[in-house]
Every structure is written in structure tokens, then in C-alpha cells.
Amino acid sequence: MKYTKWGIAFGFIMVTLGVILTLKFGYKPAPQRIMGPSFFAHAEEVGAVAIKRFYAPLAEEDVVILGLPSNRDWAAAFMKGFVEAAKANQREFKTAVIERQMPESVRSELHGLFPAAREIDANTETMTELGDAVAMAQTKKEKLLVIVPNVYSSHLLQDAPLRRLEKVMELPRPLFALTSGPLALEPAQEKELDPVCLGSERDGSGTAPLGCAIMQAGRGYYRKQVLDKEPDARKRFSAIMQAPGANDYLLLIREPQLTQ
């Protein structure tokens, strides 16, 4: 009887502590899995599959935020596949804007797809340029594609420009955002991830939550050794997708290893 009472008391303490921690730090449910490890010959195919995964929800979205890494060669091709598949599947974007600090390869590719695409500053205190573009698209009900660095587009980052935009515009719900980034499917590949996963005391840029989400997303597949089980997996693009939150999606891509 004595053991039982102590067991009940201990359980009560743990439940109470859990409630306190949840109220203080917030409850973060596990990300929803959208796509397990999949393999592609070209980066364009990854972009096309992303559109097909969101065919239904994109029917209701006037604005799509596409976050791209600034230091990956596949970014422009992935974006091209995304845009062309949207057009082929009745989800065509009418207009596009792009952060002017994006790599020239991405900006050039976008201008080829949208000759009238505008380059803007998507990270300002007032968020005026991006806010005006979003407001116009919502008013006209014309689909707008917004291309920004991936550290701008993720709702995982409390100070991300996207969150500031939604706050300034007092939007009733989050904008649809697909953030892409690198993928590690083995421990040795983690050193290639960017942004990096750091403790809060070392995270001077404030991007660690995204970096940690990217790292944790891949770690769930390490033991499955998917790169060894799938034929020629190391020579193909690998991708996974998950949803960390409402209207917030994370698509991670591993580029081919051409030499062993």
C-alpha cells in the first residue's frame, strides 16, 4: 500500500510538471509525415511531385511562399519543376516576386518563367514590398508565387520575415509556405546541413530551430539505411517531406553523389 501511494504521488508530480512545462515552453507535436524517402533522376521532378502532393489545397491558395536554400545548385531546377508542374496541373501562377538577394541562377530562371517577375526586398521592418504584392494577389484572386531564402519562409522561426508579414497584415491564418533544404540520410551527411542545429546560447542568427528540424527529419531514417536498400539511390536525388505546422511544409532534398 505504501508503494502504491508513493507511485500515485510520483505520477501526480510528473503530470503537474508536464503541464507546467507545456504552459511555459509550448507543446510541439511531432511533424506530420507527408512523403517518405523518394528518389528522382532530376531536381525538376522533385518540384513536380511537390505540386502533385498539394494539388487539392493549392486550389484555395492565392499566395504560395517557396523558400529555397541560397547555397544549393539544385534550387533553380527544383523551382522550375515546381512552376511548370503547377501550370500543367491547373495550378498556374499568374505572377511572381523574388527576394533580390537570391542567387543569380535562381533569379535568372524565374525571369525566364515569369518575364514580368519583380525583385523585391522581402525582409524589411515594415514588409511593405512583399505585403503589397500579397495584398494585391489576394484582392485580385490571382495566384502569386513568392521566392525567398528558406530562412525567410519557415514558420518554425519566430522572427522569420514570413511571420512578421503575417503579423503586419493581420492575416486570419498562415500563408501557405513550402520551405526546402538539404537532407541527411546518414550521420556523416549532417556536416553538410545548413542552417546548422545549435543550442540557443550559440544561435546568433536565430535560424537553429529550422536547422534542428532539418536534422531531426533525416535522423528518423538513419537506421533504415534507405540509401543502401534502394537501387542507385546515391546517384539520384532523394527527398522527404513533412508538415511541422498548419500551412507550413518542409521539403528536404539530398543531391546525388556522383563519385563513391
C-alpha atoms as a PDB file:
ATOM      1  CA  MET A   1       0.000   0.000   0.000  1.00  0.00           C
ATOM      2  CA  LYS A   2       2.835   2.359   0.843  1.00  0.00           C
ATOM      3  CA  TYR A   3       4.455   1.747  -2.561  1.00  0.00           C
ATOM      4  CA  THR A   4       1.143   2.397  -4.298  1.00  0.00           C
ATOM      5  CA  LYS A   5       0.674   5.734  -2.551  1.00  0.00           C
ATOM      6  CA  TRP A   6       4.181   6.824  -3.477  1.00  0.00           C
ATOM      7  CA  GLY A   7       3.578   5.702  -7.035  1.00  0.00           C
ATOM      8  CA  ILE A   8       0.390   7.757  -7.243  1.00  0.00           C
ATOM      9  CA  ALA A   9       2.132  10.778  -5.726  1.00  0.00           C
ATOM     10  CA  PHE A  10       5.043  10.476  -8.161  1.00  0.00           C
ATOM     11  CA  GLY A  11       2.665  10.179 -11.090  1.00  0.00           C
ATOM     12  CA  PHE A  12       0.762  13.264  -9.967  1.00  0.00           C
ATOM     13  CA  ILE A  13       4.014  15.236  -9.679  1.00  0.00           C
ATOM     14  CA  MET A  14       5.121  14.213 -13.179  1.00  0.00           C
ATOM     15  CA  VAL A  15       1.758  15.145 -14.710  1.00  0.00           C
ATOM     16  CA  THR A  16       1.835  18.504 -12.939  1.00  0.00           C
ATOM     17  CA  LEU A  17       5.399  19.132 -14.104  1.00  0.00           C
ATOM     18  CA  GLY A  18       4.396  18.256 -17.654  1.00  0.00           C
ATOM     19  CA  VAL A  19       1.538  20.746 -17.576  1.00  0.00           C
ATOM     20  CA  ILE A  20       3.821  23.482 -16.213  1.00  0.00           C
ATOM     21  CA  LEU A  21       6.463  22.865 -18.890  1.00  0.00           C
ATOM     22  CA  THR A  22       3.831  22.818 -21.617  1.00  0.00           C
ATOM     23  CA  LEU A  23       2.406  26.150 -20.457  1.00  0.00           C
ATOM     24  CA  LYS A  24       5.869  27.685 -20.211  1.00  0.00           C
ATOM     25  CA  PHE A  25       7.517  26.397 -23.374  1.00  0.00           C
ATOM     26  CA  GLY A  26       4.563  25.389 -25.529  1.00  0.00           C
ATOM     27  CA  TYR A  27       3.520  21.988 -26.828  1.00  0.00           C
ATOM     28  CA  LYS A  28       5.183  20.981 -30.075  1.00  0.00           C
ATOM     29  CA  PRO A  29       3.528  17.975 -31.681  1.00  0.00           C
ATOM     30  CA  ALA A  30       5.585  15.715 -33.934  1.00  0.00           C
ATOM     31  CA  PRO A  31       5.642  16.877 -37.580  1.00  0.00           C
ATOM     32  CA  GLN A  32       3.152  15.171 -39.862  1.00  0.00           C
ATOM     33  CA  ARG A  33       4.798  12.931 -42.427  1.00  0.00           C
ATOM     34  CA  ILE A  34       3.824  13.883 -45.976  1.00  0.00           C
ATOM     35  CA  MET A  35       6.328  11.880 -48.033  1.00  0.00           C
ATOM     36  CA  GLY A  36       8.870   9.251 -47.009  1.00  0.00           C
ATOM     37  CA  PRO A  37      12.213   8.826 -48.790  1.00  0.00           C
ATOM     38  CA  SER A  38      11.601   9.067 -52.538  1.00  0.00           C
ATOM     39  CA  PHE A  39      14.120   9.069 -55.368  1.00  0.00           C
ATOM     40  CA  PHE A  40      14.338  11.110 -58.566  1.00  0.00           C
ATOM     41  CA  ALA A  41      16.575  11.456 -61.592  1.00  0.00           C
ATOM     42  CA  HIS A  42      16.387  15.254 -61.688  1.00  0.00           C
ATOM     43  CA  ALA A  43      15.654  18.123 -59.307  1.00  0.00           C
ATOM     44  CA  GLU A  44      12.794  19.245 -61.571  1.00  0.00           C
ATOM     45  CA  GLU A  45      10.986  16.001 -60.741  1.00  0.00           C
ATOM     46  CA  VAL A  46      11.098  16.820 -57.034  1.00  0.00           C
ATOM     47  CA  GLY A  47       9.384  20.143 -57.710  1.00  0.00           C
ATOM     48  CA  ALA A  48       6.738  18.442 -59.837  1.00  0.00           C
ATOM     49  CA  VAL A  49       5.961  15.885 -57.132  1.00  0.00           C
ATOM     50  CA  ALA A  50       5.605  18.678 -54.571  1.00  0.00           C
ATOM     51  CA  ILE A  51       2.846  20.292 -56.657  1.00  0.00           C
ATOM     52  CA  LYS A  52       1.020  16.988 -57.037  1.00  0.00           C
ATOM     53  CA  ARG A  53       1.116  16.428 -53.273  1.00  0.00           C
ATOM     54  CA  PHE A  54      -0.652  19.757 -52.753  1.00  0.00           C
ATOM     55  CA  TYR A  55      -2.997  19.700 -55.729  1.00  0.00           C
ATOM     56  CA  ALA A  56      -6.162  19.999 -53.633  1.00  0.00           C
ATOM     57  CA  PRO A  57      -5.086  22.574 -51.012  1.00  0.00           C
ATOM     58  CA  LEU A  58      -3.447  24.833 -53.600  1.00  0.00           C
ATOM     59  CA  ALA A  59      -6.841  25.345 -55.217  1.00  0.00           C
ATOM     60  CA  GLU A  60      -7.729  27.560 -52.246  1.00  0.00           C
ATOM     61  CA  GLU A  61      -4.442  29.470 -52.027  1.00  0.00           C
ATOM     62  CA  ASP A  62      -3.845  32.812 -53.721  1.00  0.00           C
ATOM     63  CA  VAL A  63      -0.301  33.101 -52.362  1.00  0.00           C
ATOM     64  CA  VAL A  64       2.392  30.428 -52.156  1.00  0.00           C
ATOM     65  CA  ILE A  65       5.685  31.089 -50.396  1.00  0.00           C
ATOM     66  CA  LEU A  66       8.528  28.938 -51.711  1.00  0.00           C
ATOM     67  CA  GLY A  67      11.675  29.000 -49.600  1.00  0.00           C
ATOM     68  CA  LEU A  68      14.896  27.927 -51.309  1.00  0.00           C
ATOM     69  CA  PRO A  69      18.399  27.440 -49.929  1.00  0.00           C
ATOM     70  CA  SER A  70      20.835  30.030 -51.213  1.00  0.00           C
ATOM     71  CA  ASN A  71      23.773  27.631 -51.467  1.00  0.00           C
ATOM     72  CA  ARG A  72      22.433  24.590 -53.338  1.00  0.00           C
ATOM     73  CA  ASP A  73      22.893  24.031 -57.062  1.00  0.00           C
ATOM     74  CA  TRP A  74      19.542  22.251 -57.347  1.00  0.00           C
ATOM     75  CA  ALA A  75      17.460  25.216 -56.151  1.00  0.00           C
ATOM     76  CA  ALA A  76      16.790  26.758 -59.585  1.00  0.00           C
ATOM     77  CA  ALA A  77      15.910  23.447 -61.228  1.00  0.00           C
ATOM     78  CA  PHE A  78      13.646  22.469 -58.341  1.00  0.00           C
ATOM     79  CA  MET A  79      11.824  25.798 -58.634  1.00  0.00           C
ATOM     80  CA  LYS A  80      11.435  25.333 -62.394  1.00  0.00           C
ATOM     81  CA  GLY A  81       9.896  21.889 -61.929  1.00  0.00           C
ATOM     82  CA  PHE A  82       7.545  23.309 -59.308  1.00  0.00           C
ATOM     83  CA  VAL A  83       6.341  26.141 -61.562  1.00  0.00           C
ATOM     84  CA  GLU A  84       5.985  24.059 -64.720  1.00  0.00           C
ATOM     85  CA  ALA A  85       4.089  21.307 -62.896  1.00  0.00           C
ATOM     86  CA  ALA A  86       1.733  23.899 -61.418  1.00  0.00           C
ATOM     87  CA  LYS A  87       0.909  25.109 -64.925  1.00  0.00           C
ATOM     88  CA  ALA A  88       0.458  21.578 -66.262  1.00  0.00           C
ATOM     89  CA  ASN A  89      -1.869  20.659 -63.377  1.00  0.00           C
ATOM     90  CA  GLN A  90      -4.246  23.647 -63.469  1.00  0.00           C
ATOM     91  CA  ARG A  91      -2.488  25.424 -60.600  1.00  0.00           C
ATOM     92  CA  GLU A  92      -0.670  28.011 -62.717  1.00  0.00           C
ATOM     93  CA  PHE A  93       0.790  31.071 -61.024  1.00  0.00           C
ATOM     94  CA  LYS A  94      -0.230  34.376 -62.568  1.00  0.00           C
ATOM     95  CA  THR A  95       2.643  36.443 -61.177  1.00  0.00           C
ATOM     96  CA  ALA A  96       5.815  36.044 -59.129  1.00  0.00           C
ATOM     97  CA  VAL A  97       8.125  38.082 -56.927  1.00  0.00           C
ATOM     98  CA  ILE A  98      11.588  37.133 -55.695  1.00  0.00           C
ATOM     99  CA  GLU A  99      13.924  38.357 -52.994  1.00  0.00           C
ATOM    100  CA  ARG A 100      16.570  40.369 -54.815  1.00  0.00           C
ATOM    101  CA  GLN A 101      19.355  38.801 -52.765  1.00  0.00           C
ATOM    102  CA  MET A 102      18.636  35.296 -54.093  1.00  0.00           C
ATOM    103  CA  PRO A 103      21.426  33.750 -56.226  1.00  0.00           C
ATOM    104  CA  GLU A 104      21.599  34.923 -59.828  1.00  0.00           C
ATOM    105  CA  SER A 105      20.905  31.402 -61.098  1.00  0.00           C
ATOM    106  CA  VAL A 106      17.539  31.343 -59.314  1.00  0.00           C
ATOM    107  CA  ARG A 107      16.610  34.886 -60.311  1.00  0.00           C
ATOM    108  CA  SER A 108      17.518  34.252 -63.936  1.00  0.00           C
ATOM    109  CA  GLU A 109      15.469  31.047 -64.020  1.00  0.00           C
ATOM    110  CA  LEU A 110      12.457  32.793 -62.515  1.00  0.00           C
ATOM    111  CA  HIS A 111      12.620  35.643 -65.046  1.00  0.00           C
ATOM    112  CA  GLY A 112      12.622  33.035 -67.796  1.00  0.00           C
ATOM    113  CA  LEU A 113       9.436  31.560 -66.337  1.00  0.00           C
ATOM    114  CA  PHE A 114       7.849  34.921 -65.469  1.00  0.00           C
ATOM    115  CA  PRO A 115       9.249  37.734 -67.653  1.00  0.00           C
ATOM    116  CA  ALA A 116       7.383  40.296 -65.547  1.00  0.00           C
ATOM    117  CA  ALA A 117       8.566  38.916 -62.191  1.00  0.00           C
ATOM    118  CA  ARG A 118       9.609  41.640 -59.763  1.00  0.00           C
ATOM    119  CA  GLU A 119      12.642  41.590 -57.491  1.00  0.00           C
ATOM    120  CA  ILE A 120      11.871  42.931 -54.015  1.00  0.00           C
ATOM    121  CA  ASP A 121      13.324  43.266 -50.542  1.00  0.00           C
ATOM    122  CA  ALA A 122      11.372  40.648 -48.603  1.00  0.00           C
ATOM    123  CA  ASN A 123      12.995  41.338 -45.244  1.00  0.00           C
ATOM    124  CA  THR A 124      12.315  44.847 -44.012  1.00  0.00           C
ATOM    125  CA  GLU A 125      10.888  46.280 -40.822  1.00  0.00           C
ATOM    126  CA  THR A 126       7.621  47.289 -42.499  1.00  0.00           C
ATOM    127  CA  MET A 127       7.471  44.417 -45.012  1.00  0.00           C
ATOM    128  CA  THR A 128       5.921  46.905 -47.434  1.00  0.00           C
ATOM    129  CA  GLU A 129       7.037  45.492 -50.803  1.00  0.00           C
ATOM    130  CA  LEU A 130       6.082  41.917 -50.030  1.00  0.00           C
ATOM    131  CA  GLY A 131       2.937  42.986 -48.215  1.00  0.00           C
ATOM    132  CA  ASP A 132       1.747  44.993 -51.207  1.00  0.00           C
ATOM    133  CA  ALA A 133       2.332  42.046 -53.550  1.00  0.00           C
ATOM    134  CA  VAL A 134       0.447  39.647 -51.264  1.00  0.00           C
ATOM    135  CA  ALA A 135      -2.441  42.074 -50.747  1.00  0.00           C
ATOM    136  CA  MET A 136      -2.827  42.615 -54.495  1.00  0.00           C
ATOM    137  CA  ALA A 137      -2.873  38.892 -55.195  1.00  0.00           C
ATOM    138  CA  GLN A 138      -5.492  38.297 -52.515  1.00  0.00           C
ATOM    139  CA  THR A 139      -7.636  41.164 -53.771  1.00  0.00           C
ATOM    140  CA  LYS A 140      -7.481  40.086 -57.416  1.00  0.00           C
ATOM    141  CA  LYS A 141      -7.633  36.360 -56.585  1.00  0.00           C
ATOM    142  CA  GLU A 142      -4.585  35.819 -58.779  1.00  0.00           C
ATOM    143  CA  LYS A 143      -2.082  33.169 -57.800  1.00  0.00           C
ATOM    144  CA  LEU A 144       1.207  34.693 -56.658  1.00  0.00           C
ATOM    145  CA  LEU A 145       4.463  32.784 -56.200  1.00  0.00           C
ATOM    146  CA  VAL A 146       6.908  34.313 -53.717  1.00  0.00           C
ATOM    147  CA  ILE A 147      10.522  33.086 -53.874  1.00  0.00           C
ATOM    148  CA  VAL A 148      12.625  33.802 -50.786  1.00  0.00           C
ATOM    149  CA  PRO A 149      15.565  32.249 -48.894  1.00  0.00           C
ATOM    150  CA  ASN A 150      14.448  29.284 -46.800  1.00  0.00           C
ATOM    151  CA  VAL A 151      15.274  31.099 -43.556  1.00  0.00           C
ATOM    152  CA  TYR A 152      12.622  33.675 -44.539  1.00  0.00           C
ATOM    153  CA  SER A 153       9.822  31.208 -45.259  1.00  0.00           C
ATOM    154  CA  SER A 154       9.637  28.817 -42.316  1.00  0.00           C
ATOM    155  CA  HIS A 155       7.075  29.307 -39.565  1.00  0.00           C
ATOM    156  CA  LEU A 156       9.483  27.378 -37.333  1.00  0.00           C
ATOM    157  CA  LEU A 157      11.482  30.586 -36.924  1.00  0.00           C
ATOM    158  CA  GLN A 158       9.755  33.037 -34.606  1.00  0.00           C
ATOM    159  CA  ASP A 159      11.500  36.068 -36.154  1.00  0.00           C
ATOM    160  CA  ALA A 160      11.247  34.953 -39.782  1.00  0.00           C
ATOM    161  CA  PRO A 161      10.104  37.606 -42.275  1.00  0.00           C
ATOM    162  CA  LEU A 162       7.061  35.453 -43.100  1.00  0.00           C
ATOM    163  CA  ARG A 163       5.835  35.619 -39.509  1.00  0.00           C
ATOM    164  CA  ARG A 164       6.405  39.377 -39.434  1.00  0.00           C
ATOM    165  CA  LEU A 165       4.470  39.757 -42.680  1.00  0.00           C
ATOM    166  CA  GLU A 166       1.502  37.806 -41.334  1.00  0.00           C
ATOM    167  CA  LYS A 167       1.534  39.916 -38.176  1.00  0.00           C
ATOM    168  CA  VAL A 168       1.768  43.238 -40.028  1.00  0.00           C
ATOM    169  CA  MET A 169      -1.041  42.250 -42.407  1.00  0.00           C
ATOM    170  CA  GLU A 170      -3.118  40.769 -39.567  1.00  0.00           C
ATOM    171  CA  LEU A 171      -3.850  37.700 -41.677  1.00  0.00           C
ATOM    172  CA  PRO A 172      -6.511  35.347 -40.262  1.00  0.00           C
ATOM    173  CA  ARG A 173      -4.413  32.239 -40.983  1.00  0.00           C
ATOM    174  CA  PRO A 174      -0.834  31.414 -42.008  1.00  0.00           C
ATOM    175  CA  LEU A 175       0.154  31.760 -45.639  1.00  0.00           C
ATOM    176  CA  PHE A 176       0.926  28.529 -47.480  1.00  0.00           C
ATOM    177  CA  ALA A 177       4.685  28.057 -47.165  1.00  0.00           C
ATOM    178  CA  LEU A 178       6.895  25.300 -48.569  1.00  0.00           C
ATOM    179  CA  THR A 179      10.432  25.508 -47.240  1.00  0.00           C
ATOM    180  CA  SER A 180      13.120  23.425 -48.939  1.00  0.00           C
ATOM    181  CA  GLY A 181      16.506  22.500 -47.576  1.00  0.00           C
ATOM    182  CA  PRO A 182      19.262  19.881 -47.560  1.00  0.00           C
ATOM    183  CA  LEU A 183      18.689  16.304 -46.413  1.00  0.00           C
ATOM    184  CA  ALA A 184      20.953  13.956 -44.464  1.00  0.00           C
ATOM    185  CA  LEU A 185      20.087  10.267 -44.611  1.00  0.00           C
ATOM    186  CA  GLU A 186      23.262   9.151 -42.831  1.00  0.00           C
ATOM    187  CA  PRO A 187      25.144  10.590 -39.817  1.00  0.00           C
ATOM    188  CA  ALA A 188      28.169  11.540 -41.949  1.00  0.00           C
ATOM    189  CA  GLN A 189      25.972  13.828 -44.062  1.00  0.00           C
ATOM    190  CA  GLU A 190      24.946  16.040 -41.137  1.00  0.00           C
ATOM    191  CA  LYS A 191      28.040  18.200 -41.513  1.00  0.00           C
ATOM    192  CA  GLU A 192      26.652  19.367 -44.860  1.00  0.00           C
ATOM    193  CA  LEU A 193      23.383  20.667 -43.405  1.00  0.00           C
ATOM    194  CA  ASP A 194      22.612  24.377 -43.407  1.00  0.00           C
ATOM    195  CA  PRO A 195      21.356  26.118 -41.342  1.00  0.00           C
ATOM    196  CA  VAL A 196      23.074  24.240 -38.555  1.00  0.00           C
ATOM    197  CA  CYS A 197      21.448  22.947 -35.383  1.00  0.00           C
ATOM    198  CA  LEU A 198      22.873  24.842 -32.390  1.00  0.00           C
ATOM    199  CA  GLY A 199      21.918  25.447 -28.783  1.00  0.00           C
ATOM    200  CA  SER A 200      20.012  28.669 -28.138  1.00  0.00           C
ATOM    201  CA  GLU A 201      23.026  30.246 -26.413  1.00  0.00           C
ATOM    202  CA  ARG A 202      25.118  29.780 -29.584  1.00  0.00           C
ATOM    203  CA  ASP A 203      22.420  30.567 -32.140  1.00  0.00           C
ATOM    204  CA  GLY A 204      23.360  34.122 -33.018  1.00  0.00           C
ATOM    205  CA  SER A 205      21.407  34.129 -36.291  1.00  0.00           C
ATOM    206  CA  GLY A 206      18.184  32.708 -34.840  1.00  0.00           C
ATOM    207  CA  THR A 207      17.972  30.008 -37.519  1.00  0.00           C
ATOM    208  CA  ALA A 208      18.762  26.975 -35.334  1.00  0.00           C
ATOM    209  CA  PRO A 209      15.110  25.820 -34.962  1.00  0.00           C
ATOM    210  CA  LEU A 210      14.976  25.286 -38.724  1.00  0.00           C
ATOM    211  CA  GLY A 211      18.393  23.629 -38.732  1.00  0.00           C
ATOM    212  CA  CYS A 212      17.369  21.281 -35.918  1.00  0.00           C
ATOM    213  CA  ALA A 213      14.103  20.410 -37.680  1.00  0.00           C
ATOM    214  CA  ILE A 214      16.064  19.571 -40.843  1.00  0.00           C
ATOM    215  CA  MET A 215      18.478  17.384 -38.888  1.00  0.00           C
ATOM    216  CA  GLN A 216      15.769  15.568 -36.919  1.00  0.00           C
ATOM    217  CA  ALA A 217      13.711  14.920 -40.053  1.00  0.00           C
ATOM    218  CA  GLY A 218      16.548  12.927 -41.590  1.00  0.00           C
ATOM    219  CA  ARG A 219      17.608  11.111 -38.423  1.00  0.00           C
ATOM    220  CA  GLY A 220      14.405   9.125 -38.369  1.00  0.00           C
ATOM    221  CA  TYR A 221      15.650   7.238 -41.437  1.00  0.00           C
ATOM    222  CA  TYR A 222      19.270   6.518 -40.468  1.00  0.00           C
ATOM    223  CA  ARG A 223      18.631   3.005 -39.173  1.00  0.00           C
ATOM    224  CA  LYS A 224      16.580   2.124 -42.236  1.00  0.00           C
ATOM    225  CA  GLN A 225      19.662   2.638 -44.453  1.00  0.00           C
ATOM    226  CA  VAL A 226      17.472   3.703 -47.356  1.00  0.00           C
ATOM    227  CA  LEU A 227      20.453   4.734 -49.481  1.00  0.00           C
ATOM    228  CA  ASP A 228      21.722   1.155 -49.449  1.00  0.00           C
ATOM    229  CA  LYS A 229      18.383  -0.566 -49.966  1.00  0.00           C
ATOM    230  CA  GLU A 230      17.158   1.454 -52.946  1.00  0.00           C
ATOM    231  CA  PRO A 231      18.952   0.687 -56.278  1.00  0.00           C
ATOM    232  CA  ASP A 232      21.311   3.512 -57.298  1.00  0.00           C
ATOM    233  CA  ALA A 233      19.892   5.721 -54.543  1.00  0.00           C
ATOM    234  CA  ARG A 234      23.200   7.525 -54.028  1.00  0.00           C
ATOM    235  CA  LYS A 235      23.273   8.536 -57.679  1.00  0.00           C
ATOM    236  CA  ARG A 236      19.761  10.025 -57.594  1.00  0.00           C
ATOM    237  CA  PHE A 237      18.057  12.886 -55.823  1.00  0.00           C
ATOM    238  CA  SER A 238      16.472  11.839 -52.525  1.00  0.00           C
ATOM    239  CA  ALA A 239      13.627  13.756 -50.882  1.00  0.00           C
ATOM    240  CA  ILE A 240      11.325  13.630 -47.875  1.00  0.00           C
ATOM    241  CA  MET A 241       8.519  15.949 -46.853  1.00  0.00           C
ATOM    242  CA  GLN A 242       6.760  16.738 -43.590  1.00  0.00           C
ATOM    243  CA  ALA A 243       4.426  19.327 -42.107  1.00  0.00           C
ATOM    244  CA  PRO A 244       5.709  20.987 -38.908  1.00  0.00           C
ATOM    245  CA  GLY A 245       2.534  23.075 -38.594  1.00  0.00           C
ATOM    246  CA  ALA A 246      -0.579  24.441 -40.248  1.00  0.00           C
ATOM    247  CA  ASN A 247       0.098  25.509 -43.853  1.00  0.00           C
ATOM    248  CA  ASP A 248       3.806  25.020 -43.136  1.00  0.00           C
ATOM    249  CA  TYR A 249       5.722  22.344 -45.046  1.00  0.00           C
ATOM    250  CA  LEU A 250       9.341  21.206 -45.051  1.00  0.00           C
ATOM    251  CA  LEU A 251      10.761  19.514 -48.155  1.00  0.00           C
ATOM    252  CA  LEU A 252      14.300  18.199 -47.801  1.00  0.00           C
ATOM    253  CA  ILE A 253      16.443  17.176 -50.757  1.00  0.00           C
ATOM    254  CA  ARG A 254      19.659  15.178 -50.953  1.00  0.00           C
ATOM    255  CA  GLU A 255      21.602  15.702 -54.190  1.00  0.00           C
ATOM    256  CA  PRO A 256      23.267  12.778 -55.989  1.00  0.00           C
ATOM    257  CA  GLN A 257      26.731  11.596 -55.065  1.00  0.00           C
ATOM    258  CA  LEU A 258      28.359  11.105 -58.450  1.00  0.00           C
ATOM    259  CA  THR A 259      31.563   9.628 -57.047  1.00  0.00           C
ATOM    260  CA  GLN A 260      31.949   6.991 -54.384  1.00  0.00           C
END
